[in-house]
Amino acid sequence: MLYWTAIKNPLRICVNYIVICLCRILPSLSLKRWFLRRIGAKIGYNVSFGLESTIDVFFPELVEIGDNTIIGYRTTILTHEFLIDELRVGEVKIGKNVMIGANCTILPGVTIGDNALISAHSLVNKDIPENTFVGGVPATIIKNIND
């Protein structure tokens, strides 16, 4: 059986948890970006995080968010999953000018292309092409934005 303490230093997890909890309630976007960069997340210029949105506590360094992206209220970005007999870890890359609606969940290993729009309450479990509008559980393409 794999224990989480074998994956990451527990003290590092505690620091990440405190920083991420603080970022969930901070009203200042610039402070949120500053704190998240300190724990290893790659956050672009002018990124906005809605209240209570959160990134992965175990592997924040695997999150990359492009410039001018908006992360909606209570959205969760995960970079790991503990399954019964395995640990799955994957980078999450979010492109530039992306808008993610409220209460979305982004699963590990997903790439979201530039200019994508993700509807509220969506579960993103696979890559999203650029210039698309997606939504649902799991998220599927609703339309191409260029159309």
N, C-alpha and C. Protein backbone atom coordinates (compact mmCIF):
# COMPACT_ATOMS: atom_id res chain seq x y z
N MET A 1 0.84 -1.19 0.00
CA MET A 1 0.00 0.00 0.00
C MET A 1 0.89 1.25 0.00
N LEU A 2 0.51 2.21 -0.78
CA LEU A 2 1.27 3.45 -0.92
C LEU A 2 0.69 4.53 0.00
N TYR A 3 1.54 5.10 0.83
CA TYR A 3 1.11 6.17 1.72
C TYR A 3 1.56 7.51 1.16
N TRP A 4 0.76 8.53 1.39
CA TRP A 4 1.07 9.85 0.85
C TRP A 4 2.37 10.40 1.39
N THR A 5 2.79 9.98 2.60
CA THR A 5 4.04 10.48 3.16
C THR A 5 5.26 9.99 2.39
N ALA A 6 5.09 8.92 1.61
CA ALA A 6 6.19 8.43 0.78
C ALA A 6 6.34 9.26 -0.49
N ILE A 7 5.34 10.03 -0.84
CA ILE A 7 5.34 10.80 -2.08
C ILE A 7 5.96 12.18 -1.88
N LYS A 8 5.63 12.82 -0.78
CA LYS A 8 6.02 14.22 -0.57
C LYS A 8 6.27 14.44 0.92
N ASN A 9 7.17 15.33 1.23
CA ASN A 9 7.48 15.69 2.61
C ASN A 9 6.23 16.26 3.28
N PRO A 10 5.81 15.70 4.42
CA PRO A 10 4.61 16.20 5.10
C PRO A 10 4.68 17.68 5.47
N LEU A 11 5.85 18.18 5.79
CA LEU A 11 5.99 19.60 6.11
C LEU A 11 5.71 20.46 4.88
N ARG A 12 6.18 20.02 3.72
CA ARG A 12 5.92 20.74 2.47
C ARG A 12 4.41 20.77 2.18
N ILE A 13 3.74 19.64 2.42
CA ILE A 13 2.29 19.57 2.22
C ILE A 13 1.58 20.55 3.14
N CYS A 14 2.03 20.63 4.39
CA CYS A 14 1.42 21.57 5.36
C CYS A 14 1.57 23.01 4.90
N VAL A 15 2.76 23.36 4.43
CA VAL A 15 2.99 24.73 3.94
C VAL A 15 2.10 25.00 2.73
N ASN A 16 2.07 24.06 1.78
CA ASN A 16 1.22 24.22 0.60
C ASN A 16 -0.24 24.39 1.00
N TYR A 17 -0.70 23.57 1.95
CA TYR A 17 -2.09 23.63 2.39
C TYR A 17 -2.43 24.99 2.99
N ILE A 18 -1.56 25.50 3.83
CA ILE A 18 -1.80 26.81 4.45
C ILE A 18 -1.86 27.91 3.39
N VAL A 19 -0.91 27.88 2.46
CA VAL A 19 -0.87 28.90 1.40
C VAL A 19 -2.13 28.81 0.53
N ILE A 20 -2.52 27.61 0.15
CA ILE A 20 -3.69 27.44 -0.72
C ILE A 20 -4.97 27.83 0.01
N CYS A 21 -5.09 27.48 1.29
CA CYS A 21 -6.27 27.91 2.06
C CYS A 21 -6.34 29.43 2.16
N LEU A 22 -5.21 30.07 2.35
CA LEU A 22 -5.16 31.53 2.38
C LEU A 22 -5.59 32.11 1.03
N CYS A 23 -5.08 31.52 -0.04
CA CYS A 23 -5.41 32.01 -1.38
C CYS A 23 -6.89 31.84 -1.71
N ARG A 24 -7.53 30.85 -1.13
CA ARG A 24 -8.96 30.63 -1.39
C ARG A 24 -9.82 31.80 -0.92
N ILE A 25 -9.38 32.50 0.14
CA ILE A 25 -10.22 33.56 0.71
C ILE A 25 -9.66 34.96 0.48
N LEU A 26 -8.44 35.06 -0.04
CA LEU A 26 -7.86 36.38 -0.29
C LEU A 26 -8.63 37.12 -1.39
N PRO A 27 -9.02 38.36 -1.15
CA PRO A 27 -9.67 39.11 -2.22
C PRO A 27 -8.68 39.68 -3.24
N SER A 28 -7.42 39.82 -2.86
CA SER A 28 -6.42 40.43 -3.74
C SER A 28 -5.88 39.42 -4.75
N LEU A 29 -6.12 39.68 -6.03
CA LEU A 29 -5.64 38.77 -7.07
C LEU A 29 -4.13 38.76 -7.17
N SER A 30 -3.51 39.92 -7.00
CA SER A 30 -2.04 39.97 -7.09
C SER A 30 -1.40 39.18 -5.95
N LEU A 31 -1.97 39.22 -4.75
CA LEU A 31 -1.44 38.42 -3.64
C LEU A 31 -1.65 36.93 -3.88
N LYS A 32 -2.79 36.56 -4.42
CA LYS A 32 -3.03 35.15 -4.75
C LYS A 32 -1.97 34.65 -5.72
N ARG A 33 -1.74 35.40 -6.78
CA ARG A 33 -0.73 34.99 -7.77
C ARG A 33 0.64 34.88 -7.13
N TRP A 34 0.99 35.85 -6.28
CA TRP A 34 2.30 35.87 -5.63
C TRP A 34 2.47 34.63 -4.75
N PHE A 35 1.49 34.33 -3.91
CA PHE A 35 1.58 33.16 -3.03
C PHE A 35 1.65 31.86 -3.82
N LEU A 36 0.82 31.72 -4.84
CA LEU A 36 0.82 30.48 -5.62
C LEU A 36 2.13 30.28 -6.36
N ARG A 37 2.73 31.35 -6.82
CA ARG A 37 4.05 31.24 -7.46
C ARG A 37 5.11 30.79 -6.45
N ARG A 38 4.98 31.21 -5.20
CA ARG A 38 5.95 30.84 -4.16
C ARG A 38 5.93 29.34 -3.88
N ILE A 39 4.80 28.68 -4.08
CA ILE A 39 4.76 27.23 -3.84
C ILE A 39 4.96 26.43 -5.12
N GLY A 40 5.33 27.11 -6.21
CA GLY A 40 5.75 26.42 -7.42
C GLY A 40 4.82 26.46 -8.61
N ALA A 41 3.61 26.96 -8.45
CA ALA A 41 2.69 27.03 -9.59
C ALA A 41 3.20 28.06 -10.60
N LYS A 42 3.02 27.76 -11.88
CA LYS A 42 3.44 28.68 -12.94
C LYS A 42 2.20 29.48 -13.36
N ILE A 43 2.12 30.70 -12.87
CA ILE A 43 0.94 31.54 -13.06
C ILE A 43 1.32 32.70 -13.98
N GLY A 44 0.59 32.85 -15.08
CA GLY A 44 0.86 33.91 -16.04
C GLY A 44 0.44 35.29 -15.57
N TYR A 45 0.65 36.26 -16.43
CA TYR A 45 0.30 37.65 -16.16
C TYR A 45 -1.22 37.82 -16.19
N ASN A 46 -1.75 38.58 -15.24
CA ASN A 46 -3.16 38.97 -15.22
C ASN A 46 -4.13 37.79 -15.09
N VAL A 47 -3.73 36.74 -14.37
CA VAL A 47 -4.60 35.60 -14.10
C VAL A 47 -5.52 35.95 -12.94
N SER A 48 -6.81 35.61 -13.05
CA SER A 48 -7.79 35.89 -12.00
C SER A 48 -8.31 34.58 -11.41
N PHE A 49 -8.29 34.48 -10.09
CA PHE A 49 -8.84 33.33 -9.39
C PHE A 49 -10.07 33.75 -8.62
N GLY A 50 -11.19 33.08 -8.85
CA GLY A 50 -12.40 33.36 -8.07
C GLY A 50 -12.23 32.89 -6.64
N LEU A 51 -13.06 33.43 -5.75
CA LEU A 51 -13.02 33.01 -4.35
C LEU A 51 -13.22 31.50 -4.25
N GLU A 52 -12.52 30.90 -3.33
CA GLU A 52 -12.59 29.48 -3.00
C GLU A 52 -12.10 28.55 -4.11
N SER A 53 -11.50 29.09 -5.16
CA SER A 53 -10.89 28.22 -6.16
C SER A 53 -9.57 27.72 -5.58
N THR A 54 -9.17 26.53 -5.99
CA THR A 54 -8.00 25.91 -5.38
C THR A 54 -7.20 25.10 -6.39
N ILE A 55 -5.91 24.99 -6.13
CA ILE A 55 -5.06 24.10 -6.93
C ILE A 55 -4.59 22.96 -6.03
N ASP A 56 -3.99 21.96 -6.64
CA ASP A 56 -3.57 20.75 -5.95
C ASP A 56 -2.56 21.05 -4.84
N VAL A 57 -2.79 20.48 -3.66
CA VAL A 57 -1.92 20.68 -2.50
C VAL A 57 -0.63 19.89 -2.63
N PHE A 58 -0.69 18.69 -3.20
CA PHE A 58 0.48 17.84 -3.28
C PHE A 58 1.49 18.30 -4.34
N PHE A 59 1.01 18.68 -5.51
CA PHE A 59 1.89 19.02 -6.61
C PHE A 59 1.50 20.34 -7.27
N PRO A 60 1.56 21.46 -6.56
CA PRO A 60 1.21 22.74 -7.18
C PRO A 60 2.17 23.12 -8.31
N GLU A 61 3.38 22.57 -8.27
CA GLU A 61 4.37 22.88 -9.30
C GLU A 61 4.01 22.29 -10.66
N LEU A 62 3.01 21.42 -10.71
CA LEU A 62 2.58 20.83 -11.98
C LEU A 62 1.43 21.61 -12.63
N VAL A 63 1.07 22.75 -12.05
CA VAL A 63 0.01 23.59 -12.60
C VAL A 63 0.63 24.75 -13.37
N GLU A 64 0.21 24.93 -14.61
CA GLU A 64 0.67 26.04 -15.44
C GLU A 64 -0.55 26.74 -16.03
N ILE A 65 -0.65 28.05 -15.77
CA ILE A 65 -1.81 28.82 -16.22
C ILE A 65 -1.32 30.01 -17.04
N GLY A 66 -1.82 30.14 -18.27
CA GLY A 66 -1.39 31.20 -19.19
C GLY A 66 -1.96 32.57 -18.85
N ASP A 67 -1.45 33.58 -19.53
CA ASP A 67 -1.86 34.97 -19.30
C ASP A 67 -3.35 35.18 -19.54
N ASN A 68 -3.90 36.15 -18.80
CA ASN A 68 -5.28 36.62 -18.99
C ASN A 68 -6.34 35.53 -18.85
N THR A 69 -6.08 34.57 -17.99
CA THR A 69 -7.02 33.47 -17.77
C THR A 69 -7.86 33.76 -16.53
N ILE A 70 -9.12 33.35 -16.57
CA ILE A 70 -10.03 33.53 -15.44
C ILE A 70 -10.44 32.15 -14.93
N ILE A 71 -10.20 31.91 -13.65
CA ILE A 71 -10.59 30.67 -12.98
C ILE A 71 -11.80 31.00 -12.11
N GLY A 72 -12.92 30.37 -12.36
CA GLY A 72 -14.17 30.71 -11.67
C GLY A 72 -14.24 30.27 -10.22
N TYR A 73 -15.25 30.78 -9.55
CA TYR A 73 -15.54 30.51 -8.15
C TYR A 73 -15.58 29.01 -7.86
N ARG A 74 -14.90 28.59 -6.83
CA ARG A 74 -14.86 27.20 -6.35
C ARG A 74 -14.38 26.18 -7.38
N THR A 75 -13.57 26.58 -8.31
CA THR A 75 -13.01 25.62 -9.26
C THR A 75 -11.82 24.93 -8.62
N THR A 76 -11.67 23.64 -8.90
CA THR A 76 -10.58 22.83 -8.35
C THR A 76 -9.71 22.32 -9.48
N ILE A 77 -8.40 22.52 -9.36
CA ILE A 77 -7.44 22.04 -10.35
C ILE A 77 -6.57 20.98 -9.66
N LEU A 78 -6.70 19.73 -10.11
CA LEU A 78 -5.99 18.61 -9.49
C LEU A 78 -4.85 18.13 -10.38
N THR A 79 -3.74 17.74 -9.75
CA THR A 79 -2.61 17.18 -10.50
C THR A 79 -2.28 15.77 -10.04
N HIS A 80 -3.06 15.23 -9.11
CA HIS A 80 -2.84 13.85 -8.67
C HIS A 80 -4.16 13.20 -8.29
N GLU A 81 -4.17 11.86 -8.36
CA GLU A 81 -5.30 11.06 -7.89
C GLU A 81 -4.74 9.84 -7.19
N PHE A 82 -5.19 9.58 -5.99
CA PHE A 82 -4.87 8.33 -5.30
C PHE A 82 -5.97 7.33 -5.61
N LEU A 83 -5.61 6.27 -6.32
CA LEU A 83 -6.55 5.19 -6.59
C LEU A 83 -6.23 4.04 -5.64
N ILE A 84 -6.93 2.93 -5.72
CA ILE A 84 -6.73 1.84 -4.76
C ILE A 84 -5.29 1.36 -4.75
N ASP A 85 -4.73 1.08 -5.91
CA ASP A 85 -3.38 0.53 -5.97
C ASP A 85 -2.37 1.40 -6.68
N GLU A 86 -2.72 2.61 -7.00
CA GLU A 86 -1.78 3.44 -7.74
C GLU A 86 -1.98 4.92 -7.46
N LEU A 87 -0.95 5.65 -7.78
CA LEU A 87 -1.00 7.11 -7.72
C LEU A 87 -0.85 7.61 -9.14
N ARG A 88 -1.79 8.41 -9.60
CA ARG A 88 -1.69 9.01 -10.93
C ARG A 88 -1.38 10.48 -10.77
N VAL A 89 -0.34 10.92 -11.46
CA VAL A 89 0.10 12.31 -11.40
C VAL A 89 0.21 12.82 -12.82
N GLY A 90 -0.23 14.06 -13.05
CA GLY A 90 -0.11 14.64 -14.38
C GLY A 90 -0.16 16.15 -14.33
N GLU A 91 0.58 16.77 -15.24
CA GLU A 91 0.57 18.23 -15.34
C GLU A 91 -0.78 18.72 -15.83
N VAL A 92 -1.16 19.89 -15.37
CA VAL A 92 -2.33 20.58 -15.90
C VAL A 92 -1.84 21.87 -16.53
N LYS A 93 -2.06 22.00 -17.83
CA LYS A 93 -1.65 23.20 -18.56
C LYS A 93 -2.89 23.91 -19.08
N ILE A 94 -3.05 25.14 -18.66
CA ILE A 94 -4.18 25.96 -19.08
C ILE A 94 -3.62 27.09 -19.93
N GLY A 95 -4.12 27.24 -21.14
CA GLY A 95 -3.58 28.22 -22.08
C GLY A 95 -3.91 29.66 -21.73
N LYS A 96 -3.64 30.53 -22.69
CA LYS A 96 -3.90 31.97 -22.53
C LYS A 96 -5.36 32.28 -22.87
N ASN A 97 -5.88 33.31 -22.22
CA ASN A 97 -7.24 33.82 -22.49
C ASN A 97 -8.33 32.76 -22.32
N VAL A 98 -8.14 31.89 -21.35
CA VAL A 98 -9.12 30.83 -21.07
C VAL A 98 -10.07 31.33 -19.99
N MET A 99 -11.34 30.95 -20.09
CA MET A 99 -12.29 31.26 -19.03
C MET A 99 -12.90 29.97 -18.54
N ILE A 100 -12.73 29.72 -17.24
CA ILE A 100 -13.27 28.52 -16.61
C ILE A 100 -14.37 28.96 -15.67
N GLY A 101 -15.58 28.43 -15.87
CA GLY A 101 -16.72 28.82 -15.05
C GLY A 101 -16.64 28.32 -13.62
N ALA A 102 -17.63 28.66 -12.84
CA ALA A 102 -17.68 28.31 -11.42
C ALA A 102 -17.86 26.81 -11.21
N ASN A 103 -17.30 26.31 -10.11
CA ASN A 103 -17.49 24.93 -9.66
C ASN A 103 -17.03 23.87 -10.66
N CYS A 104 -16.01 24.16 -11.42
CA CYS A 104 -15.46 23.17 -12.35
C CYS A 104 -14.39 22.35 -11.64
N THR A 105 -14.15 21.16 -12.16
CA THR A 105 -13.06 20.32 -11.68
C THR A 105 -12.20 19.97 -12.88
N ILE A 106 -10.90 20.25 -12.76
CA ILE A 106 -9.93 19.93 -13.80
C ILE A 106 -9.08 18.78 -13.27
N LEU A 107 -9.09 17.64 -13.96
CA LEU A 107 -8.37 16.45 -13.50
C LEU A 107 -6.93 16.43 -14.01
N PRO A 108 -6.09 15.58 -13.40
CA PRO A 108 -4.66 15.53 -13.77
C PRO A 108 -4.43 15.17 -15.23
N GLY A 109 -3.35 15.71 -15.78
CA GLY A 109 -2.92 15.37 -17.13
C GLY A 109 -3.65 16.08 -18.25
N VAL A 110 -4.41 17.12 -17.93
CA VAL A 110 -5.24 17.81 -18.91
C VAL A 110 -4.52 19.05 -19.45
N THR A 111 -4.67 19.28 -20.75
CA THR A 111 -4.21 20.52 -21.37
C THR A 111 -5.43 21.23 -21.94
N ILE A 112 -5.58 22.50 -21.59
CA ILE A 112 -6.68 23.31 -22.10
C ILE A 112 -6.09 24.34 -23.03
N GLY A 113 -6.52 24.35 -24.28
CA GLY A 113 -5.96 25.23 -25.30
C GLY A 113 -6.32 26.70 -25.10
N ASP A 114 -5.60 27.56 -25.79
CA ASP A 114 -5.84 29.01 -25.73
C ASP A 114 -7.27 29.34 -26.14
N ASN A 115 -7.82 30.38 -25.53
CA ASN A 115 -9.14 30.93 -25.87
C ASN A 115 -10.30 29.97 -25.65
N ALA A 116 -10.10 28.93 -24.84
CA ALA A 116 -11.19 27.99 -24.56
C ALA A 116 -12.12 28.57 -23.50
N LEU A 117 -13.38 28.21 -23.58
CA LEU A 117 -14.39 28.58 -22.58
C LEU A 117 -14.95 27.30 -21.99
N ILE A 118 -14.98 27.22 -20.67
CA ILE A 118 -15.48 26.03 -20.00
C ILE A 118 -16.68 26.43 -19.16
N SER A 119 -17.80 25.80 -19.43
CA SER A 119 -19.05 26.11 -18.75
C SER A 119 -18.98 25.75 -17.27
N ALA A 120 -19.78 26.43 -16.46
CA ALA A 120 -19.84 26.16 -15.02
C ALA A 120 -20.23 24.70 -14.76
N HIS A 121 -19.75 24.16 -13.66
CA HIS A 121 -20.06 22.80 -13.19
C HIS A 121 -19.57 21.72 -14.15
N SER A 122 -18.50 21.97 -14.87
CA SER A 122 -17.98 20.98 -15.81
C SER A 122 -16.86 20.17 -15.18
N LEU A 123 -16.72 18.93 -15.64
CA LEU A 123 -15.63 18.05 -15.24
C LEU A 123 -14.73 17.87 -16.46
N VAL A 124 -13.52 18.42 -16.39
CA VAL A 124 -12.59 18.33 -17.51
C VAL A 124 -11.65 17.17 -17.25
N ASN A 125 -11.84 16.07 -17.98
CA ASN A 125 -11.03 14.87 -17.79
C ASN A 125 -10.18 14.52 -19.00
N LYS A 126 -10.24 15.35 -20.04
CA LYS A 126 -9.39 15.14 -21.22
C LYS A 126 -9.05 16.50 -21.82
N ASP A 127 -8.10 16.49 -22.74
CA ASP A 127 -7.63 17.74 -23.33
C ASP A 127 -8.76 18.49 -24.04
N ILE A 128 -8.68 19.82 -23.95
CA ILE A 128 -9.65 20.70 -24.60
C ILE A 128 -8.91 21.48 -25.69
N PRO A 129 -9.35 21.39 -26.95
CA PRO A 129 -8.68 22.13 -28.02
C PRO A 129 -8.86 23.64 -27.85
N GLU A 130 -7.98 24.39 -28.48
CA GLU A 130 -8.11 25.86 -28.42
C GLU A 130 -9.35 26.31 -29.18
N ASN A 131 -9.83 27.49 -28.81
CA ASN A 131 -10.99 28.12 -29.47
C ASN A 131 -12.25 27.26 -29.45
N THR A 132 -12.50 26.60 -28.33
CA THR A 132 -13.72 25.80 -28.21
C THR A 132 -14.48 26.18 -26.94
N PHE A 133 -15.78 25.94 -26.98
CA PHE A 133 -16.65 26.12 -25.83
C PHE A 133 -17.08 24.73 -25.41
N VAL A 134 -16.78 24.35 -24.15
CA VAL A 134 -17.09 23.01 -23.67
C VAL A 134 -17.92 23.10 -22.39
N GLY A 135 -18.60 22.00 -22.08
CA GLY A 135 -19.36 21.95 -20.85
C GLY A 135 -19.87 20.55 -20.59
N GLY A 136 -20.30 20.31 -19.37
CA GLY A 136 -20.90 19.04 -18.99
C GLY A 136 -20.00 18.18 -18.14
N VAL A 137 -20.56 17.02 -17.77
CA VAL A 137 -19.84 16.03 -16.96
C VAL A 137 -19.92 14.71 -17.70
N PRO A 138 -18.85 14.27 -18.34
CA PRO A 138 -17.59 14.99 -18.56
C PRO A 138 -17.75 16.07 -19.62
N ALA A 139 -16.82 17.00 -19.64
CA ALA A 139 -16.88 18.13 -20.57
C ALA A 139 -16.77 17.64 -22.01
N THR A 140 -17.69 18.10 -22.85
CA THR A 140 -17.65 17.80 -24.28
C THR A 140 -17.75 19.12 -25.05
N ILE A 141 -17.31 19.08 -26.28
CA ILE A 141 -17.33 20.30 -27.10
C ILE A 141 -18.77 20.65 -27.46
N ILE A 142 -19.14 21.89 -27.14
CA ILE A 142 -20.46 22.40 -27.48
C ILE A 142 -20.41 23.10 -28.84
N LYS A 143 -19.37 23.91 -29.02
CA LYS A 143 -19.18 24.55 -30.33
C LYS A 143 -17.78 25.10 -30.44
N ASN A 144 -17.35 25.32 -31.68
CA ASN A 144 -16.09 26.00 -31.94
C ASN A 144 -16.36 27.49 -31.90
N ILE A 145 -15.49 28.22 -31.23
CA ILE A 145 -15.70 29.66 -31.06
C ILE A 145 -15.52 30.41 -32.38
N ASN A 146 -14.70 29.89 -33.28
CA ASN A 146 -14.46 30.56 -34.56
C ASN A 146 -15.66 30.51 -35.49
N ASP A 147 -16.61 29.61 -35.22
CA ASP A 147 -17.78 29.47 -36.10
C ASP A 147 -18.72 30.64 -36.00
